[in-house]
N, C-alpha and C. Protein backbone atom coordinates (compact mmCIF):
# COMPACT_ATOMS: atom_id res chain seq x y z
N MET A 1 -9.49 -3.72 -9.39
CA MET A 1 -10.42 -3.17 -8.42
C MET A 1 -9.66 -2.45 -7.32
N PRO A 2 -10.27 -1.49 -6.67
CA PRO A 2 -9.59 -0.73 -5.61
C PRO A 2 -9.31 -1.60 -4.40
N ALA A 3 -8.51 -1.01 -3.49
CA ALA A 3 -8.20 -1.71 -2.23
C ALA A 3 -9.51 -2.01 -1.49
N LEU A 4 -9.49 -3.09 -0.71
CA LEU A 4 -10.70 -3.57 -0.05
C LEU A 4 -10.89 -2.94 1.32
N TRP A 5 -10.97 -1.61 1.35
CA TRP A 5 -11.17 -0.93 2.63
C TRP A 5 -12.54 -1.24 3.26
N PRO A 6 -13.62 -1.45 2.46
CA PRO A 6 -14.88 -1.80 3.11
C PRO A 6 -14.81 -3.13 3.89
N THR A 7 -13.85 -3.95 3.56
CA THR A 7 -13.64 -5.19 4.31
C THR A 7 -12.74 -4.93 5.53
N PHE A 8 -11.76 -4.08 5.36
CA PHE A 8 -10.82 -3.77 6.44
C PHE A 8 -11.53 -3.14 7.64
N ILE A 9 -12.43 -2.21 7.38
CA ILE A 9 -13.07 -1.46 8.47
C ILE A 9 -13.82 -2.35 9.45
N PRO A 10 -14.76 -3.19 8.99
CA PRO A 10 -15.42 -4.04 9.97
C PRO A 10 -14.51 -5.11 10.58
N ALA A 11 -13.54 -5.61 9.79
CA ALA A 11 -12.66 -6.64 10.31
C ALA A 11 -11.85 -6.12 11.50
N VAL A 12 -11.28 -4.92 11.35
CA VAL A 12 -10.49 -4.32 12.43
C VAL A 12 -11.38 -3.73 13.49
N GLY A 13 -12.41 -3.00 13.07
CA GLY A 13 -13.30 -2.35 14.03
C GLY A 13 -14.00 -3.30 14.95
N ASN A 14 -14.58 -4.35 14.41
CA ASN A 14 -15.31 -5.32 15.23
C ASN A 14 -14.34 -6.10 16.13
N TYR A 15 -13.15 -6.35 15.64
CA TYR A 15 -12.14 -7.02 16.45
C TYR A 15 -11.81 -6.18 17.68
N LEU A 16 -11.59 -4.89 17.48
CA LEU A 16 -11.25 -4.00 18.59
C LEU A 16 -12.43 -3.83 19.55
N ASN A 17 -13.65 -3.87 19.02
CA ASN A 17 -14.82 -3.71 19.85
C ASN A 17 -15.12 -4.93 20.69
N SER A 18 -14.65 -6.10 20.25
CA SER A 18 -14.97 -7.34 20.94
C SER A 18 -14.38 -7.35 22.35
N THR A 19 -15.19 -7.79 23.30
CA THR A 19 -14.74 -7.88 24.69
C THR A 19 -14.59 -9.33 25.15
N SER A 20 -14.53 -10.24 24.20
CA SER A 20 -14.45 -11.66 24.54
C SER A 20 -13.15 -12.03 25.21
N SER A 21 -12.09 -11.28 24.91
CA SER A 21 -10.79 -11.55 25.53
C SER A 21 -9.95 -10.27 25.51
N LYS A 22 -9.02 -10.23 26.45
CA LYS A 22 -8.13 -9.08 26.50
C LYS A 22 -7.08 -9.23 25.41
N LYS A 23 -6.84 -8.16 24.68
CA LYS A 23 -5.94 -8.23 23.53
C LYS A 23 -4.60 -7.58 23.87
N THR A 24 -3.53 -8.25 23.48
CA THR A 24 -2.20 -7.70 23.68
C THR A 24 -1.86 -6.76 22.53
N HIS A 25 -0.84 -5.94 22.73
CA HIS A 25 -0.39 -5.07 21.66
C HIS A 25 0.07 -5.89 20.45
N ASP A 26 0.68 -7.03 20.70
CA ASP A 26 1.15 -7.87 19.60
C ASP A 26 -0.03 -8.39 18.78
N GLU A 27 -1.11 -8.76 19.45
CA GLU A 27 -2.29 -9.28 18.74
C GLU A 27 -3.00 -8.19 17.97
N ILE A 28 -3.08 -7.00 18.54
CA ILE A 28 -3.71 -5.89 17.82
C ILE A 28 -2.88 -5.52 16.60
N ALA A 29 -1.56 -5.48 16.77
CA ALA A 29 -0.68 -5.14 15.65
C ALA A 29 -0.79 -6.17 14.53
N GLU A 30 -0.88 -7.45 14.90
CA GLU A 30 -1.05 -8.52 13.91
C GLU A 30 -2.34 -8.32 13.12
N LYS A 31 -3.42 -7.99 13.83
CA LYS A 31 -4.70 -7.82 13.16
C LYS A 31 -4.69 -6.66 12.18
N ILE A 32 -4.18 -5.51 12.61
CA ILE A 32 -4.16 -4.34 11.74
C ILE A 32 -3.26 -4.58 10.54
N ALA A 33 -2.07 -5.11 10.77
CA ALA A 33 -1.11 -5.31 9.68
C ALA A 33 -1.61 -6.36 8.69
N SER A 34 -2.16 -7.46 9.19
CA SER A 34 -2.63 -8.52 8.29
C SER A 34 -3.84 -8.07 7.48
N GLU A 35 -4.73 -7.30 8.08
CA GLU A 35 -5.88 -6.81 7.34
C GLU A 35 -5.47 -5.76 6.31
N TYR A 36 -4.45 -4.98 6.65
CA TYR A 36 -3.93 -4.01 5.67
C TYR A 36 -3.39 -4.75 4.46
N HIS A 37 -2.61 -5.82 4.73
CA HIS A 37 -2.03 -6.61 3.66
C HIS A 37 -3.11 -7.22 2.77
N LYS A 38 -4.18 -7.71 3.39
CA LYS A 38 -5.28 -8.28 2.60
C LYS A 38 -5.97 -7.20 1.76
N ALA A 39 -6.16 -6.03 2.36
CA ALA A 39 -6.93 -4.96 1.68
C ALA A 39 -6.21 -4.43 0.44
N VAL A 40 -4.89 -4.27 0.54
CA VAL A 40 -4.18 -3.61 -0.57
C VAL A 40 -3.78 -4.60 -1.67
N LYS A 41 -4.08 -5.89 -1.50
CA LYS A 41 -3.77 -6.84 -2.56
C LYS A 41 -4.48 -6.49 -3.86
N THR A 42 -5.60 -5.81 -3.78
CA THR A 42 -6.36 -5.47 -5.00
C THR A 42 -6.20 -4.01 -5.40
N ALA A 43 -5.28 -3.28 -4.73
CA ALA A 43 -5.05 -1.88 -5.13
C ALA A 43 -4.51 -1.85 -6.55
N ASN A 44 -4.88 -0.85 -7.30
CA ASN A 44 -4.35 -0.72 -8.66
C ASN A 44 -3.95 0.72 -8.95
N THR A 45 -3.13 0.87 -10.00
CA THR A 45 -2.63 2.19 -10.34
C THR A 45 -3.75 3.07 -10.89
N LEU A 46 -3.65 4.36 -10.62
CA LEU A 46 -4.64 5.30 -11.09
C LEU A 46 -4.57 5.46 -12.61
N VAL A 47 -3.34 5.42 -13.15
CA VAL A 47 -3.16 5.72 -14.57
C VAL A 47 -3.62 4.61 -15.48
N HIS A 48 -3.56 3.38 -15.02
CA HIS A 48 -4.06 2.27 -15.84
C HIS A 48 -4.72 1.25 -14.91
N PRO A 49 -6.01 1.48 -14.60
CA PRO A 49 -6.75 0.60 -13.69
C PRO A 49 -6.66 -0.86 -14.10
N GLY A 50 -6.57 -1.70 -13.12
CA GLY A 50 -6.43 -3.14 -13.40
C GLY A 50 -5.01 -3.61 -13.18
N ASN A 51 -4.06 -2.66 -13.15
CA ASN A 51 -2.66 -3.02 -12.91
C ASN A 51 -2.43 -3.11 -11.43
N MET A 52 -2.29 -4.33 -10.91
CA MET A 52 -2.24 -4.55 -9.48
C MET A 52 -0.91 -5.16 -9.04
N PRO A 53 -0.66 -5.18 -7.73
CA PRO A 53 0.56 -5.83 -7.24
C PRO A 53 0.56 -7.33 -7.52
N LEU A 54 1.74 -7.84 -7.90
CA LEU A 54 1.90 -9.28 -8.04
C LEU A 54 2.32 -9.90 -6.71
N VAL A 55 3.31 -9.28 -6.08
CA VAL A 55 3.81 -9.74 -4.79
C VAL A 55 3.96 -8.54 -3.88
N LEU A 56 3.22 -8.54 -2.79
CA LEU A 56 3.24 -7.44 -1.85
C LEU A 56 4.36 -7.65 -0.83
N GLY A 57 5.09 -6.57 -0.57
CA GLY A 57 6.16 -6.70 0.42
C GLY A 57 7.26 -7.59 -0.10
N TYR A 58 8.06 -8.16 0.79
CA TYR A 58 9.20 -8.94 0.38
C TYR A 58 9.28 -10.22 1.20
N MET A 59 9.28 -11.36 0.54
CA MET A 59 9.39 -12.63 1.25
C MET A 59 10.37 -13.52 0.46
N PRO A 60 11.66 -13.51 0.81
CA PRO A 60 12.67 -14.19 0.02
C PRO A 60 12.55 -15.71 0.02
N SER A 61 11.91 -16.31 1.05
CA SER A 61 11.78 -17.76 1.08
C SER A 61 10.54 -18.12 1.90
N PRO A 62 10.03 -19.35 1.71
CA PRO A 62 8.82 -19.75 2.47
C PRO A 62 9.00 -19.70 3.99
N SER A 63 10.24 -19.84 4.45
CA SER A 63 10.49 -19.83 5.90
C SER A 63 10.67 -18.42 6.45
N ALA A 64 10.68 -17.44 5.59
CA ALA A 64 10.88 -16.06 6.04
C ALA A 64 9.60 -15.53 6.68
N PRO A 65 9.69 -14.44 7.44
CA PRO A 65 8.48 -13.85 8.05
C PRO A 65 7.47 -13.44 6.97
N LYS A 66 6.24 -13.27 7.36
CA LYS A 66 5.21 -12.81 6.44
C LYS A 66 5.59 -11.43 5.93
N PRO A 67 5.17 -11.08 4.72
CA PRO A 67 5.56 -9.80 4.12
C PRO A 67 5.19 -8.59 4.98
N TYR A 68 4.09 -8.70 5.75
CA TYR A 68 3.65 -7.57 6.56
C TYR A 68 4.24 -7.59 7.97
N THR A 69 5.10 -8.56 8.30
CA THR A 69 5.66 -8.64 9.64
C THR A 69 6.38 -7.37 10.08
N PRO A 70 7.18 -6.72 9.22
CA PRO A 70 7.82 -5.47 9.65
C PRO A 70 6.80 -4.40 10.03
N ILE A 71 5.67 -4.33 9.31
CA ILE A 71 4.63 -3.37 9.65
C ILE A 71 4.02 -3.73 11.00
N LYS A 72 3.76 -5.03 11.21
CA LYS A 72 3.21 -5.47 12.49
C LYS A 72 4.12 -5.06 13.64
N ASN A 73 5.41 -5.31 13.49
CA ASN A 73 6.35 -4.95 14.55
C ASN A 73 6.39 -3.45 14.79
N ALA A 74 6.25 -2.66 13.74
CA ALA A 74 6.25 -1.21 13.89
C ALA A 74 4.98 -0.74 14.59
N ILE A 75 3.84 -1.37 14.27
CA ILE A 75 2.58 -1.01 14.95
C ILE A 75 2.67 -1.34 16.42
N LYS A 76 3.22 -2.49 16.76
CA LYS A 76 3.38 -2.85 18.18
C LYS A 76 4.25 -1.82 18.91
N LYS A 77 5.31 -1.39 18.26
CA LYS A 77 6.17 -0.38 18.88
C LYS A 77 5.40 0.92 19.09
N THR A 78 4.56 1.28 18.12
CA THR A 78 3.71 2.48 18.28
C THR A 78 2.81 2.34 19.49
N LEU A 79 2.15 1.20 19.63
CA LEU A 79 1.24 1.00 20.75
C LEU A 79 2.00 1.02 22.08
N ASP A 80 3.16 0.39 22.10
CA ASP A 80 3.97 0.39 23.31
C ASP A 80 4.41 1.81 23.69
N ASP A 81 4.83 2.57 22.68
CA ASP A 81 5.31 3.94 22.93
C ASP A 81 4.19 4.83 23.44
N ILE A 82 2.99 4.66 22.87
CA ILE A 82 1.85 5.47 23.33
C ILE A 82 1.51 5.13 24.77
N LYS A 83 1.59 3.86 25.11
CA LYS A 83 1.30 3.45 26.49
C LYS A 83 2.31 4.07 27.44
N LYS A 84 3.58 4.06 27.06
CA LYS A 84 4.62 4.66 27.89
C LYS A 84 4.43 6.17 28.03
N SER A 85 3.77 6.77 27.06
CA SER A 85 3.50 8.20 27.07
C SER A 85 2.16 8.51 27.73
N GLU A 86 1.70 7.59 28.59
CA GLU A 86 0.45 7.76 29.34
C GLU A 86 -0.76 7.92 28.42
N GLY A 87 -0.71 7.20 27.28
CA GLY A 87 -1.85 7.20 26.38
C GLY A 87 -1.96 8.43 25.51
N ARG A 88 -0.94 9.26 25.49
CA ARG A 88 -0.97 10.48 24.66
C ARG A 88 -0.15 10.26 23.38
N PRO A 89 -0.82 10.01 22.26
CA PRO A 89 -0.07 9.78 21.01
C PRO A 89 0.65 11.05 20.55
N LYS A 90 1.86 10.87 20.08
CA LYS A 90 2.67 11.97 19.54
C LYS A 90 3.14 11.60 18.13
N LEU A 91 3.48 12.59 17.35
CA LEU A 91 3.84 12.37 15.95
C LEU A 91 4.98 11.38 15.81
N ASN A 92 5.99 11.49 16.68
CA ASN A 92 7.16 10.61 16.54
C ASN A 92 6.83 9.15 16.85
N HIS A 93 5.71 8.90 17.53
CA HIS A 93 5.32 7.52 17.80
C HIS A 93 5.02 6.73 16.53
N PHE A 94 4.75 7.44 15.44
CA PHE A 94 4.32 6.79 14.20
C PHE A 94 5.42 6.75 13.14
N SER A 95 6.64 7.15 13.51
CA SER A 95 7.74 7.19 12.54
C SER A 95 8.05 5.83 11.96
N ASP A 96 8.24 4.83 12.80
CA ASP A 96 8.57 3.50 12.31
C ASP A 96 7.44 2.90 11.48
N TRP A 97 6.23 3.07 11.96
CA TRP A 97 5.06 2.53 11.22
C TRP A 97 5.01 3.12 9.81
N ALA A 98 5.12 4.41 9.69
CA ALA A 98 5.03 5.07 8.39
C ALA A 98 6.21 4.67 7.50
N GLN A 99 7.42 4.65 8.05
CA GLN A 99 8.59 4.31 7.24
C GLN A 99 8.55 2.85 6.80
N THR A 100 8.13 1.98 7.68
CA THR A 100 8.06 0.55 7.32
C THR A 100 7.01 0.32 6.25
N THR A 101 5.92 1.04 6.30
CA THR A 101 4.90 0.91 5.26
C THR A 101 5.43 1.36 3.92
N SER A 102 6.22 2.44 3.91
CA SER A 102 6.85 2.92 2.68
C SER A 102 7.80 1.84 2.13
N THR A 103 8.59 1.25 3.00
CA THR A 103 9.52 0.19 2.57
C THR A 103 8.77 -1.02 2.03
N TYR A 104 7.67 -1.35 2.65
CA TYR A 104 6.82 -2.44 2.20
C TYR A 104 6.45 -2.26 0.73
N TRP A 105 6.08 -1.03 0.38
CA TRP A 105 5.69 -0.76 -1.01
C TRP A 105 6.90 -0.74 -1.95
N LEU A 106 8.02 -0.28 -1.47
CA LEU A 106 9.22 -0.28 -2.33
C LEU A 106 9.66 -1.70 -2.67
N GLN A 107 9.30 -2.65 -1.85
CA GLN A 107 9.67 -4.05 -2.08
C GLN A 107 8.56 -4.82 -2.81
N THR A 108 7.50 -4.14 -3.19
CA THR A 108 6.38 -4.78 -3.86
C THR A 108 6.64 -4.90 -5.38
N LYS A 109 6.30 -6.03 -5.92
CA LYS A 109 6.43 -6.26 -7.36
C LYS A 109 5.08 -5.99 -8.01
N MET A 110 5.08 -5.25 -9.10
CA MET A 110 3.84 -4.92 -9.78
C MET A 110 3.63 -5.78 -11.02
N SER A 111 2.37 -5.95 -11.38
CA SER A 111 2.04 -6.70 -12.61
C SER A 111 2.50 -5.93 -13.86
N PRO A 112 3.01 -6.65 -14.86
CA PRO A 112 3.45 -5.94 -16.09
C PRO A 112 2.27 -5.52 -16.97
N THR A 113 1.09 -6.09 -16.74
CA THR A 113 -0.08 -5.74 -17.54
C THR A 113 -1.22 -5.30 -16.63
N PRO A 114 -2.14 -4.48 -17.09
CA PRO A 114 -2.21 -3.89 -18.44
C PRO A 114 -1.00 -2.98 -18.70
N PHE A 115 -0.69 -2.81 -19.98
CA PHE A 115 0.43 -1.97 -20.34
C PHE A 115 0.09 -0.49 -20.15
N HIS A 116 1.15 0.30 -19.98
CA HIS A 116 0.94 1.74 -19.79
C HIS A 116 0.28 2.33 -21.05
N PRO A 117 -0.75 3.14 -20.90
CA PRO A 117 -1.47 3.65 -22.08
C PRO A 117 -0.59 4.46 -23.03
N ILE A 118 0.40 5.17 -22.52
CA ILE A 118 1.28 5.92 -23.41
C ILE A 118 2.09 4.97 -24.27
N ASN A 119 2.59 3.89 -23.67
CA ASN A 119 3.38 2.92 -24.44
C ASN A 119 2.54 2.16 -25.46
N ILE A 120 1.28 1.96 -25.14
CA ILE A 120 0.39 1.36 -26.12
C ILE A 120 0.26 2.26 -27.35
N GLY A 121 0.14 3.58 -27.06
CA GLY A 121 0.05 4.54 -28.15
C GLY A 121 1.33 4.63 -28.97
N LEU A 122 2.48 4.47 -28.31
CA LEU A 122 3.77 4.56 -29.00
C LEU A 122 4.07 3.33 -29.85
N SER A 123 3.57 2.17 -29.39
CA SER A 123 3.90 0.92 -30.07
C SER A 123 2.90 0.66 -31.19
N THR A 124 3.14 1.34 -32.32
CA THR A 124 2.20 1.23 -33.45
C THR A 124 2.73 0.30 -34.54
N GLY A 125 4.00 -0.10 -34.42
CA GLY A 125 4.60 -0.90 -35.49
C GLY A 125 4.22 -2.37 -35.45
N THR A 126 3.73 -2.86 -34.31
CA THR A 126 3.37 -4.28 -34.23
C THR A 126 2.00 -4.42 -33.57
N VAL A 127 0.99 -3.99 -34.24
CA VAL A 127 -0.40 -4.01 -33.81
C VAL A 127 -0.62 -3.38 -32.45
N GLY A 128 0.26 -2.48 -32.07
CA GLY A 128 0.04 -1.67 -30.87
C GLY A 128 0.22 -2.38 -29.56
N ILE A 129 1.00 -3.44 -29.51
CA ILE A 129 1.21 -4.16 -28.26
C ILE A 129 2.68 -4.09 -27.86
N PRO A 130 2.98 -3.41 -26.74
CA PRO A 130 4.38 -3.35 -26.27
C PRO A 130 4.79 -4.68 -25.64
N ALA A 131 6.07 -4.82 -25.36
CA ALA A 131 6.58 -6.00 -24.67
C ALA A 131 7.02 -5.60 -23.27
N PRO A 132 6.58 -6.32 -22.23
CA PRO A 132 6.93 -5.93 -20.87
C PRO A 132 8.43 -6.08 -20.57
N ILE A 133 8.99 -5.15 -19.80
CA ILE A 133 10.37 -5.25 -19.35
C ILE A 133 10.38 -5.27 -17.83
N THR A 134 10.04 -4.14 -17.22
CA THR A 134 9.97 -4.08 -15.76
C THR A 134 8.82 -3.17 -15.34
N HIS A 135 8.32 -3.41 -14.16
CA HIS A 135 7.32 -2.52 -13.56
C HIS A 135 7.65 -2.47 -12.07
N ILE A 136 8.23 -1.35 -11.65
CA ILE A 136 8.70 -1.25 -10.26
C ILE A 136 8.01 -0.09 -9.54
N ILE A 137 8.01 -0.16 -8.22
CA ILE A 137 7.64 0.98 -7.39
C ILE A 137 8.93 1.61 -6.89
N ASN A 138 9.17 2.84 -7.23
CA ASN A 138 10.38 3.52 -6.81
C ASN A 138 10.13 4.69 -5.86
N ASN A 139 8.88 4.82 -5.45
CA ASN A 139 8.51 5.85 -4.49
C ASN A 139 7.48 5.22 -3.53
N GLY A 140 7.91 5.00 -2.28
CA GLY A 140 7.07 4.33 -1.32
C GLY A 140 6.00 5.20 -0.68
N GLY A 141 5.82 6.40 -1.21
CA GLY A 141 4.80 7.30 -0.67
C GLY A 141 5.35 8.31 0.31
N VAL A 142 4.54 9.29 0.64
CA VAL A 142 4.99 10.40 1.50
C VAL A 142 4.87 9.97 2.96
N VAL A 143 6.02 9.76 3.58
CA VAL A 143 6.08 9.27 4.95
C VAL A 143 5.53 10.28 5.96
N PRO A 144 5.94 11.56 5.88
CA PRO A 144 5.39 12.53 6.85
C PRO A 144 3.86 12.64 6.80
N GLY A 145 3.30 12.53 5.60
CA GLY A 145 1.83 12.59 5.48
C GLY A 145 1.16 11.41 6.14
N LEU A 146 1.77 10.21 6.00
CA LEU A 146 1.20 9.03 6.64
C LEU A 146 1.32 9.13 8.16
N LYS A 147 2.44 9.63 8.64
CA LYS A 147 2.59 9.84 10.09
C LYS A 147 1.51 10.75 10.63
N ALA A 148 1.24 11.84 9.93
CA ALA A 148 0.23 12.79 10.38
C ALA A 148 -1.16 12.16 10.35
N GLY A 149 -1.42 11.35 9.34
CA GLY A 149 -2.73 10.70 9.26
C GLY A 149 -2.93 9.67 10.36
N LEU A 150 -1.89 8.94 10.68
CA LEU A 150 -1.97 7.96 11.77
C LEU A 150 -2.18 8.65 13.12
N LEU A 151 -1.46 9.76 13.32
CA LEU A 151 -1.64 10.50 14.57
C LEU A 151 -3.09 10.97 14.69
N LYS A 152 -3.64 11.46 13.59
CA LYS A 152 -5.05 11.90 13.61
C LYS A 152 -5.99 10.76 13.96
N ALA A 153 -5.69 9.56 13.45
CA ALA A 153 -6.55 8.40 13.75
C ALA A 153 -6.52 8.03 15.21
N PHE A 154 -5.37 8.21 15.83
CA PHE A 154 -5.20 7.84 17.25
C PHE A 154 -5.61 8.97 18.21
N THR A 155 -5.89 10.14 17.67
CA THR A 155 -6.20 11.28 18.54
C THR A 155 -7.72 11.47 18.58
N HIS A 156 -8.28 11.21 19.74
CA HIS A 156 -9.74 11.39 19.92
C HIS A 156 -10.04 11.48 21.40
N ALA A 157 -11.16 12.06 21.70
CA ALA A 157 -11.58 12.18 23.09
C ALA A 157 -12.00 10.82 23.64
N PRO A 158 -11.96 10.66 24.97
CA PRO A 158 -12.41 9.38 25.57
C PRO A 158 -13.84 9.05 25.12
N GLN A 159 -14.07 7.79 24.80
CA GLN A 159 -15.38 7.37 24.27
C GLN A 159 -16.11 6.50 25.27
N LYS A 160 -17.42 6.70 25.35
CA LYS A 160 -18.27 5.90 26.24
C LYS A 160 -18.88 4.72 25.50
N ILE A 161 -18.76 4.71 24.19
CA ILE A 161 -19.27 3.60 23.37
C ILE A 161 -18.13 2.98 22.58
N PRO A 162 -18.27 1.76 22.08
CA PRO A 162 -17.22 1.13 21.29
C PRO A 162 -16.78 2.02 20.13
N TYR A 163 -15.46 2.16 19.98
CA TYR A 163 -14.95 3.12 18.99
C TYR A 163 -14.16 2.42 17.89
N GLY A 164 -14.28 1.10 17.81
CA GLY A 164 -13.49 0.35 16.83
C GLY A 164 -13.76 0.75 15.39
N ILE A 165 -15.02 0.86 15.01
CA ILE A 165 -15.34 1.20 13.62
C ILE A 165 -14.91 2.60 13.25
N PRO A 166 -15.21 3.63 14.05
CA PRO A 166 -14.69 4.98 13.70
C PRO A 166 -13.16 5.01 13.64
N PHE A 167 -12.51 4.30 14.57
CA PHE A 167 -11.04 4.27 14.56
C PHE A 167 -10.51 3.61 13.30
N ALA A 168 -11.09 2.47 12.91
CA ALA A 168 -10.65 1.78 11.70
C ALA A 168 -10.91 2.67 10.46
N THR A 169 -12.00 3.42 10.49
CA THR A 169 -12.31 4.33 9.38
C THR A 169 -11.27 5.43 9.27
N LYS A 170 -10.82 5.94 10.40
CA LYS A 170 -9.77 6.97 10.38
C LYS A 170 -8.43 6.41 9.91
N LEU A 171 -8.18 5.15 10.25
CA LEU A 171 -6.97 4.52 9.73
C LEU A 171 -7.04 4.42 8.20
N VAL A 172 -8.20 4.03 7.69
CA VAL A 172 -8.38 3.92 6.25
C VAL A 172 -8.17 5.28 5.57
N ASN A 173 -8.62 6.34 6.20
CA ASN A 173 -8.39 7.68 5.61
C ASN A 173 -6.89 7.93 5.45
N ALA A 174 -6.11 7.58 6.48
CA ALA A 174 -4.67 7.77 6.41
C ALA A 174 -4.06 6.88 5.33
N PHE A 175 -4.47 5.63 5.28
CA PHE A 175 -3.91 4.69 4.30
C PHE A 175 -4.27 5.09 2.86
N THR A 176 -5.51 5.54 2.68
CA THR A 176 -5.97 5.92 1.34
C THR A 176 -5.19 7.08 0.79
N ILE A 177 -4.96 8.09 1.61
CA ILE A 177 -4.19 9.25 1.17
C ILE A 177 -2.75 8.84 0.86
N HIS A 178 -2.19 7.96 1.69
CA HIS A 178 -0.83 7.50 1.44
C HIS A 178 -0.71 6.76 0.12
N LEU A 179 -1.68 5.92 -0.19
CA LEU A 179 -1.64 5.18 -1.47
C LEU A 179 -1.55 6.11 -2.66
N THR A 180 -2.20 7.26 -2.58
CA THR A 180 -2.21 8.19 -3.74
C THR A 180 -0.84 8.84 -3.93
N THR A 181 0.09 8.69 -2.99
CA THR A 181 1.41 9.30 -3.12
C THR A 181 2.47 8.29 -3.54
N ILE A 182 2.12 7.03 -3.64
CA ILE A 182 3.05 5.99 -4.08
C ILE A 182 3.23 6.08 -5.58
N GLY A 183 4.48 5.89 -6.05
CA GLY A 183 4.73 6.01 -7.47
C GLY A 183 5.65 4.92 -7.99
N GLY A 184 5.62 4.73 -9.30
CA GLY A 184 6.45 3.69 -9.90
C GLY A 184 6.88 4.03 -11.30
N LEU A 185 7.55 3.07 -11.93
CA LEU A 185 8.06 3.23 -13.30
C LEU A 185 7.74 1.98 -14.07
N HIS A 186 6.96 2.16 -15.14
CA HIS A 186 6.51 1.05 -15.98
C HIS A 186 7.29 1.12 -17.29
N THR A 187 8.22 0.19 -17.48
CA THR A 187 9.07 0.22 -18.67
C THR A 187 8.71 -0.94 -19.60
N GLU A 188 8.46 -0.59 -20.86
CA GLU A 188 8.11 -1.59 -21.86
C GLU A 188 8.86 -1.34 -23.15
N LEU A 189 9.00 -2.38 -23.94
CA LEU A 189 9.63 -2.26 -25.25
C LEU A 189 8.57 -1.92 -26.26
N VAL A 190 8.72 -0.75 -26.89
CA VAL A 190 7.71 -0.32 -27.88
C VAL A 190 8.33 -0.33 -29.26
N THR A 191 7.49 -0.59 -30.26
CA THR A 191 7.94 -0.63 -31.66
C THR A 191 7.15 0.40 -32.46
N PRO A 192 7.77 1.52 -32.80
CA PRO A 192 7.05 2.56 -33.55
C PRO A 192 6.99 2.21 -35.05
N GLY A 193 6.46 3.13 -35.78
CA GLY A 193 6.33 2.91 -37.23
C GLY A 193 4.97 2.33 -37.59
N THR A 194 4.94 1.58 -38.65
CA THR A 194 3.69 0.95 -39.09
C THR A 194 3.86 -0.57 -38.98
N PRO A 195 2.75 -1.31 -38.97
CA PRO A 195 2.88 -2.77 -38.91
C PRO A 195 3.69 -3.34 -40.06
N ILE A 196 3.65 -2.67 -41.21
CA ILE A 196 4.37 -3.19 -42.39
C ILE A 196 5.83 -2.78 -42.31
N THR A 197 6.07 -1.53 -41.88
CA THR A 197 7.47 -1.03 -41.82
C THR A 197 7.76 -0.53 -40.42
N PRO A 198 7.91 -1.43 -39.47
CA PRO A 198 8.22 -1.00 -38.10
C PRO A 198 9.61 -0.43 -37.97
N LEU A 199 9.79 0.49 -37.06
CA LEU A 199 11.10 1.05 -36.75
C LEU A 199 11.72 0.21 -35.63
N PRO A 200 13.02 0.39 -35.36
CA PRO A 200 13.67 -0.38 -34.31
C PRO A 200 12.98 -0.17 -32.96
N PRO A 201 12.73 -1.23 -32.22
CA PRO A 201 12.09 -1.10 -30.90
C PRO A 201 13.02 -0.44 -29.91
N PHE A 202 12.44 0.22 -28.91
CA PHE A 202 13.24 0.84 -27.88
C PHE A 202 12.48 0.79 -26.54
N PRO A 203 13.21 0.73 -25.42
CA PRO A 203 12.54 0.72 -24.11
C PRO A 203 11.97 2.09 -23.80
N SER A 204 10.77 2.10 -23.30
CA SER A 204 10.10 3.37 -22.98
C SER A 204 9.62 3.35 -21.52
N PRO A 205 10.36 4.02 -20.61
CA PRO A 205 9.95 4.07 -19.20
C PRO A 205 8.89 5.15 -18.97
N GLN A 206 7.80 4.78 -18.36
CA GLN A 206 6.72 5.73 -18.08
C GLN A 206 6.46 5.79 -16.57
N PRO A 207 6.63 6.95 -15.95
CA PRO A 207 6.36 7.08 -14.53
C PRO A 207 4.86 7.18 -14.26
N TRP A 208 4.48 6.82 -13.06
CA TRP A 208 3.10 7.00 -12.61
C TRP A 208 3.09 7.27 -11.11
N VAL A 209 2.04 7.92 -10.64
CA VAL A 209 1.89 8.20 -9.23
C VAL A 209 0.44 7.91 -8.85
N GLY A 210 0.25 7.17 -7.79
CA GLY A 210 -1.09 6.97 -7.25
C GLY A 210 -1.63 5.56 -7.37
N LEU A 211 -2.02 5.01 -6.22
CA LEU A 211 -2.75 3.75 -6.16
C LEU A 211 -4.10 4.03 -5.49
N VAL A 212 -5.05 3.21 -5.79
CA VAL A 212 -6.38 3.33 -5.12
C VAL A 212 -6.79 1.95 -4.62
């Protein structure tokens, strides 16, 4: 299933609209980063829907920071930098956020199944089922494009009404476009030939671009 953006928008938007307590930059960054992490858990590749991340980000041990912590820290820096700039967001304010998000995806492990459709077609010697080897993300997405999208989300005229939902929607626009630029390599062992007379198996790496 696609990323859970319909859940992200009200979760972040309503949180920002709430006036029950004053929110720090650290708290806002935690909310945006954690909801992003939740939303993209169900993202899947465009070329073979159903192929989703197994482990998002990188967490080497249970005592390590949460996988989205680097993104949270980058978002806090963005908010701090904008405040220092008298509330005027600039493109360079989003450099760390965009780069950290790209790194987050480069450290993500992908599910080996469903198999790549080309490799299913190639593996005809053993009832058409390849054997998984590796499935990696080797392109964390277009960083300049994400920076531009984030700047657009933060650029708006002063609002007289709560702006949390429209703001969260603009964030989703930036995130959605960025997902479509992420790419990976799905390598499987395929066995050509016929089921009765299969040929020697060989590894077949298939690139893909785009998550939804």
